[in-house]
Amino acid sequence: MALRSTVFKAELGIADLDRHYYADHSLTLARHPSETDERMMVRMLAFILNASESLEFGRGISSDDEPALWDRDLTGQVRTWIEVGQPDERLLRRACGRADKVIVYAYGRGLDQWWLQNAKGLGRQDKLSVWRLSPEDCSAMAALAERGMRLQCTVQEGHVLIAGDADTLQIEPEALKAE
C-alpha cells in the first residue's frame, strides 16, 4: 500500500518591496512521505521570493522532468524554473536549456561539498542563480510548519521576514551565483 502525501494549507500575505509585488495567496502544499518539513518550507520560501499569479508547484520529488516550482507563460514556455536542495548539475543544464531563468535554493548537509564539486560547471550557466540557505534558517522555517498556516511575508533588500502566530523569522539567502 502506497503512502499518501500530507496536505498542508498556507495563507500567505506577501509584500515584496524589491519587486513591488503585493498579494495574498492560498497555497496547498502536498508533502511527499519522503519529504521533510524543512524541504517543504524551503519550497514555500521559494514561492514567497518568486511569487506571481502564474507560479506553480511542480509534481515534486517523484518527477525529474518538473522542477519544485515553475512559472510558465500562456503558451507553456517556462519563464522561471526553481529547484531546492542540491540538484544534479545535468538537471540544471537541461533546465537552463528549457527556461528563461533557473534558480536554485540550496540547503542541507553537504552543501559546501556540493557547491565545490559543481561551482565550475554551474558557473558557465548564464541563466542560473544559486542561493544558499543557512541550516539555522531552514530549521527555524521547519519549526513554523503546521497543517494550517497563516503567514505574513515581507521581502526587502533580499531579506525575508516571515511572521506567524507563534514566531517571526528573518531569512537571509546568500548568493553563491547571481544571474
Protein backbone atom coordinates (compact mmCIF):
# COMPACT_ATOMS: atom_id res chain seq x y z
CA MET A 1 0.00 0.00 0.00
CA ALA A 2 1.45 3.37 -1.06
CA LEU A 3 1.82 6.12 1.49
CA ARG A 4 -0.13 9.28 0.79
CA SER A 5 1.13 12.84 0.83
CA THR A 6 0.32 15.00 3.83
CA VAL A 7 -1.58 18.13 2.86
CA PHE A 8 -0.67 21.50 4.35
CA LYS A 9 -2.64 24.70 3.76
CA ALA A 10 -0.92 28.08 3.88
CA GLU A 11 -2.44 31.53 3.73
CA LEU A 12 0.35 33.90 2.70
CA GLY A 13 0.26 37.68 2.69
CA ILE A 14 3.24 38.70 0.55
CA ALA A 15 4.71 42.20 0.39
CA ASP A 16 7.76 42.07 -1.89
CA LEU A 17 9.19 45.57 -1.76
CA ASP A 18 12.07 44.64 -4.07
CA ARG A 19 9.78 43.62 -6.95
CA HIS A 20 6.76 45.78 -6.00
CA TYR A 21 4.58 42.69 -5.73
CA TYR A 22 1.79 42.67 -3.13
CA ALA A 23 -0.72 39.83 -2.97
CA ASP A 24 -2.41 37.21 -0.83
CA HIS A 25 -2.03 33.56 -1.81
CA SER A 26 -3.83 30.43 -0.58
CA LEU A 27 -1.46 27.51 -1.09
CA THR A 28 -1.98 23.80 -0.82
CA LEU A 29 1.33 22.05 -0.25
CA ALA A 30 1.44 18.28 -0.60
CA ARG A 31 4.36 16.91 1.43
CA HIS A 32 5.54 13.64 -0.09
CA PRO A 33 6.11 10.89 2.54
CA SER A 34 9.88 11.07 1.89
CA GLU A 35 9.96 14.88 2.11
CA THR A 36 10.89 16.68 5.33
CA ASP A 37 9.17 19.73 6.79
CA GLU A 38 12.41 21.58 6.07
CA ARG A 39 12.28 20.87 2.32
CA MET A 40 8.58 21.71 2.15
CA MET A 41 9.19 25.04 3.87
CA VAL A 42 12.11 25.82 1.55
CA ARG A 43 9.71 25.25 -1.35
CA MET A 44 7.33 27.70 0.30
CA LEU A 45 10.17 30.22 0.77
CA ALA A 46 10.99 29.85 -2.93
CA PHE A 47 7.33 30.64 -3.65
CA ILE A 48 7.49 33.75 -1.45
CA LEU A 49 10.65 35.02 -3.14
CA ASN A 50 9.30 34.49 -6.67
CA ALA A 51 5.55 34.91 -6.16
CA SER A 52 3.40 35.68 -9.17
CA GLU A 53 -0.10 34.78 -10.28
CA SER A 54 1.30 32.07 -12.59
CA LEU A 55 3.89 30.47 -10.25
CA GLU A 56 3.03 26.81 -9.57
CA PHE A 57 4.44 23.88 -7.64
CA GLY A 58 5.75 21.01 -9.76
CA ARG A 59 4.91 17.37 -9.12
CA GLY A 60 7.80 17.24 -6.69
CA ILE A 61 10.32 14.64 -5.64
CA SER A 62 8.85 11.87 -7.78
CA SER A 63 9.32 13.74 -11.09
CA ASP A 64 12.63 14.52 -12.84
CA ASP A 65 11.02 16.42 -15.71
CA GLU A 66 9.41 19.08 -13.50
CA PRO A 67 11.02 21.46 -11.03
CA ALA A 68 9.99 22.13 -7.44
CA LEU A 69 8.26 25.30 -8.77
CA TRP A 70 7.88 26.92 -12.14
CA ASP A 71 6.40 29.95 -13.77
CA ARG A 72 5.08 29.37 -17.30
CA ASP A 73 3.53 31.82 -19.72
CA LEU A 74 0.23 31.21 -21.50
CA THR A 75 1.97 29.30 -24.31
CA GLY A 76 3.59 26.89 -21.85
CA GLN A 77 7.08 28.39 -22.21
CA VAL A 78 8.93 28.14 -18.89
CA ARG A 79 9.92 31.60 -17.71
CA THR A 80 11.36 30.52 -14.34
CA TRP A 81 12.48 27.04 -13.23
CA ILE A 82 13.10 26.73 -9.48
CA GLU A 83 14.84 23.85 -7.69
CA VAL A 84 15.51 23.34 -3.98
CA GLY A 85 18.21 21.31 -2.26
CA GLN A 86 21.30 20.13 -4.10
CA PRO A 87 20.16 19.21 -7.62
CA ASP A 88 22.30 17.39 -10.14
CA GLU A 89 24.34 19.59 -12.50
CA ARG A 90 22.94 17.77 -15.56
CA LEU A 91 19.39 18.57 -14.45
CA LEU A 92 20.29 22.25 -14.08
CA ARG A 93 21.98 22.38 -17.52
CA ARG A 94 18.84 20.83 -19.03
CA ALA A 95 16.66 23.34 -17.14
CA CYS A 96 18.77 26.24 -18.46
CA GLY A 97 18.03 24.98 -21.97
CA ARG A 98 14.27 24.93 -21.30
CA ALA A 99 13.72 28.07 -19.20
CA ASP A 100 14.43 31.78 -19.42
CA LYS A 101 15.75 31.75 -15.84
CA VAL A 102 16.76 28.99 -13.40
CA ILE A 103 17.03 29.49 -9.63
CA VAL A 104 18.33 27.06 -7.00
CA TYR A 105 17.71 27.48 -3.28
CA ALA A 106 20.44 25.23 -1.92
CA TYR A 107 20.43 23.90 1.64
CA GLY A 108 21.25 20.85 3.70
CA ARG A 109 24.14 18.78 4.94
CA GLY A 110 26.98 18.54 2.46
CA LEU A 111 26.03 21.83 0.80
CA ASP A 112 29.59 23.20 0.84
CA GLN A 113 30.90 19.99 -0.77
CA TRP A 114 28.10 20.04 -3.39
CA TRP A 115 28.98 23.62 -4.28
CA LEU A 116 32.73 22.84 -4.53
CA GLN A 117 32.00 19.94 -6.88
CA ASN A 118 29.55 21.87 -9.06
CA ALA A 119 30.60 25.55 -8.94
CA LYS A 120 32.78 25.42 -12.06
CA GLY A 121 30.18 23.71 -14.25
CA LEU A 122 27.29 25.75 -12.90
CA GLY A 123 29.31 28.95 -13.29
CA ARG A 124 29.07 28.52 -17.08
CA GLN A 125 25.26 28.66 -16.99
CA ASP A 126 24.37 32.32 -17.58
CA LYS A 127 20.64 31.83 -16.83
CA LEU A 128 21.34 30.28 -13.41
CA SER A 129 21.24 31.79 -9.91
CA VAL A 130 22.17 29.77 -6.81
CA TRP A 131 21.19 30.90 -3.31
CA ARG A 132 22.45 29.31 -0.09
CA LEU A 133 20.14 28.94 2.91
CA SER A 134 21.74 28.50 6.33
CA PRO A 135 20.96 25.43 8.43
CA GLU A 136 19.64 27.72 11.18
CA ASP A 137 17.20 29.45 8.81
CA CYS A 138 15.98 26.09 7.46
CA SER A 139 15.44 24.68 10.95
CA ALA A 140 13.54 27.79 12.01
CA MET A 141 11.30 27.56 8.94
CA ALA A 142 10.65 23.86 9.58
CA ALA A 143 9.51 24.77 13.11
CA LEU A 144 6.81 27.00 11.57
CA ALA A 145 5.29 24.09 9.61
CA GLU A 146 1.69 23.39 10.58
CA ARG A 147 -1.16 21.76 8.69
CA GLY A 148 -2.84 25.19 8.62
CA MET A 149 -0.51 28.20 8.43
CA ARG A 150 -1.21 31.94 8.27
CA LEU A 151 1.96 33.85 7.48
CA GLN A 152 2.77 37.46 6.68
CA CYS A 153 5.86 37.71 4.48
CA THR A 154 7.89 40.81 3.68
CA VAL A 155 10.78 40.80 1.21
CA GLN A 156 13.11 43.79 1.28
CA GLU A 157 16.68 44.12 0.02
CA GLY A 158 16.92 40.34 -0.38
CA HIS A 159 15.89 39.63 3.23
CA VAL A 160 12.67 37.81 4.06
CA LEU A 161 10.68 38.45 7.22
CA ILE A 162 8.12 35.71 7.93
CA ALA A 163 5.66 36.32 10.75
CA GLY A 164 3.43 33.54 12.02
CA ASP A 165 1.14 33.28 15.02
CA ALA A 166 3.89 31.98 17.30
CA ASP A 167 7.15 33.31 15.86
CA THR A 168 8.81 35.76 13.49
CA LEU A 169 11.83 34.78 11.39
CA GLN A 170 14.30 36.71 9.32
CA ILE A 171 15.74 34.68 6.47
CA GLU A 172 18.82 35.90 4.61
CA PRO A 173 19.64 33.87 1.48
CA GLU A 174 23.29 34.20 0.42
CA ALA A 175 24.11 34.47 -3.30
CA LEU A 176 26.54 31.78 -4.40
CA LYS A 177 25.97 32.62 -8.05
CA ALA A 178 23.87 35.52 -9.28
CA GLU A 179 22.37 35.57 -12.77
